[in-house]
Amino acid sequence: MSANEVLEQIDKLPAKEQEAVFTHLAGRMLARREIDSKRWLGKKMSFEEACDVVFRENHELLGLLAK
């Protein structure tokens, strides 16, 4: 099943079940990001380097916020 097919199925769910799916996926993304973020702990970066990391690693979120 493709991602689009999965999303279509999720759209057909009642709102409460859609929320459960979203909560599950958000939790997985946050857990993965927590692991990924540890590689930056303790590193000294300039403001520009830090901005580059933030924008590069969060481009999907920033794109959604820009809409």
C-alpha atoms as a PDB file:
ATOM      1  CA  MET A   1       0.000   0.000   0.000  1.00  0.00           C
ATOM      2  CA  SER A   2       1.380   3.420  -0.913  1.00  0.00           C
ATOM      3  CA  ALA A   3       1.632   6.363   1.461  1.00  0.00           C
ATOM      4  CA  ASN A   4      -1.134   8.138  -0.463  1.00  0.00           C
ATOM      5  CA  GLU A   5      -3.415   5.136  -0.031  1.00  0.00           C
ATOM      6  CA  VAL A   6      -2.682   5.072   3.695  1.00  0.00           C
ATOM      7  CA  LEU A   7      -3.439   8.793   3.966  1.00  0.00           C
ATOM      8  CA  GLU A   8      -6.722   8.310   2.104  1.00  0.00           C
ATOM      9  CA  GLN A   9      -7.674   5.592   4.586  1.00  0.00           C
ATOM     10  CA  ILE A  10      -6.752   7.832   7.520  1.00  0.00           C
ATOM     11  CA  ASP A  11      -8.940  10.603   6.057  1.00  0.00           C
ATOM     12  CA  LYS A  12     -11.887   8.204   6.177  1.00  0.00           C
ATOM     13  CA  LEU A  13     -11.463   7.544   9.911  1.00  0.00           C
ATOM     14  CA  PRO A  14     -13.549   9.333  12.542  1.00  0.00           C
ATOM     15  CA  ALA A  15     -11.872  12.412  14.025  1.00  0.00           C
ATOM     16  CA  LYS A  16     -10.996  10.654  17.300  1.00  0.00           C
ATOM     17  CA  GLU A  17      -9.205   7.841  15.485  1.00  0.00           C
ATOM     18  CA  GLN A  18      -7.407  10.328  13.199  1.00  0.00           C
ATOM     19  CA  GLU A  19      -6.184  12.061  16.350  1.00  0.00           C
ATOM     20  CA  ALA A  20      -4.901   8.736  17.699  1.00  0.00           C
ATOM     21  CA  VAL A  21      -2.978   8.136  14.456  1.00  0.00           C
ATOM     22  CA  PHE A  22      -1.527  11.647  14.568  1.00  0.00           C
ATOM     23  CA  THR A  23      -0.513  11.272  18.214  1.00  0.00           C
ATOM     24  CA  HIS A  24       1.198   7.965  17.477  1.00  0.00           C
ATOM     25  CA  LEU A  25       3.107   9.343  14.485  1.00  0.00           C
ATOM     26  CA  ALA A  26       4.081  12.556  16.275  1.00  0.00           C
ATOM     27  CA  GLY A  27       5.427  10.511  19.188  1.00  0.00           C
ATOM     28  CA  ARG A  28       7.528   8.401  16.837  1.00  0.00           C
ATOM     29  CA  MET A  29       8.910  11.475  15.090  1.00  0.00           C
ATOM     30  CA  LEU A  30       9.784  13.151  18.386  1.00  0.00           C
ATOM     31  CA  ALA A  31      11.513  10.022  19.674  1.00  0.00           C
ATOM     32  CA  ARG A  32      13.581   9.786  16.499  1.00  0.00           C
ATOM     33  CA  ARG A  33      14.460  13.486  16.629  1.00  0.00           C
ATOM     34  CA  GLU A  34      15.543  13.145  20.263  1.00  0.00           C
ATOM     35  CA  ILE A  35      18.048  10.489  19.244  1.00  0.00           C
ATOM     36  CA  ASP A  36      19.200  12.560  16.245  1.00  0.00           C
ATOM     37  CA  SER A  37      19.522  15.740  18.298  1.00  0.00           C
ATOM     38  CA  LYS A  38      21.992  14.162  20.723  1.00  0.00           C
ATOM     39  CA  ARG A  39      24.704  14.329  18.090  1.00  0.00           C
ATOM     40  CA  TRP A  40      24.612  18.143  18.387  1.00  0.00           C
ATOM     41  CA  LEU A  41      24.909  18.299  22.173  1.00  0.00           C
ATOM     42  CA  GLY A  42      28.143  19.809  23.407  1.00  0.00           C
ATOM     43  CA  LYS A  43      29.190  21.109  20.008  1.00  0.00           C
ATOM     44  CA  LYS A  44      30.167  24.732  19.725  1.00  0.00           C
ATOM     45  CA  MET A  45      28.650  26.404  16.683  1.00  0.00           C
ATOM     46  CA  SER A  46      28.281  29.902  15.443  1.00  0.00           C
ATOM     47  CA  PHE A  47      24.787  31.343  15.178  1.00  0.00           C
ATOM     48  CA  GLU A  48      24.882  30.842  11.401  1.00  0.00           C
ATOM     49  CA  GLU A  49      25.922  27.196  11.744  1.00  0.00           C
ATOM     50  CA  ALA A  50      23.170  26.571  14.311  1.00  0.00           C
ATOM     51  CA  CYS A  51      20.585  28.220  12.024  1.00  0.00           C
ATOM     52  CA  ASP A  52      21.733  26.012   9.167  1.00  0.00           C
ATOM     53  CA  VAL A  53      21.220  22.895  11.305  1.00  0.00           C
ATOM     54  CA  VAL A  54      17.788  24.010  12.526  1.00  0.00           C
ATOM     55  CA  PHE A  55      16.519  24.915   9.061  1.00  0.00           C
ATOM     56  CA  ARG A  56      18.054  21.872   7.364  1.00  0.00           C
ATOM     57  CA  GLU A  57      16.705  19.371   9.889  1.00  0.00           C
ATOM     58  CA  ASN A  58      13.264  20.950  10.247  1.00  0.00           C
ATOM     59  CA  HIS A  59      12.511  21.995   6.664  1.00  0.00           C
ATOM     60  CA  GLU A  60       9.220  20.069   6.591  1.00  0.00           C
ATOM     61  CA  LEU A  61       7.914  21.764   9.724  1.00  0.00           C
ATOM     62  CA  LEU A  62       9.142  25.183   8.623  1.00  0.00           C
ATOM     63  CA  GLY A  63       7.498  24.666   5.218  1.00  0.00           C
ATOM     64  CA  LEU A  64       4.184  23.904   6.920  1.00  0.00           C
ATOM     65  CA  LEU A  65       4.522  26.947   9.143  1.00  0.00           C
ATOM     66  CA  ALA A  66       5.236  29.117   6.095  1.00  0.00           C
ATOM     67  CA  LYS A  67       1.864  28.174   4.594  1.00  0.00           C
END
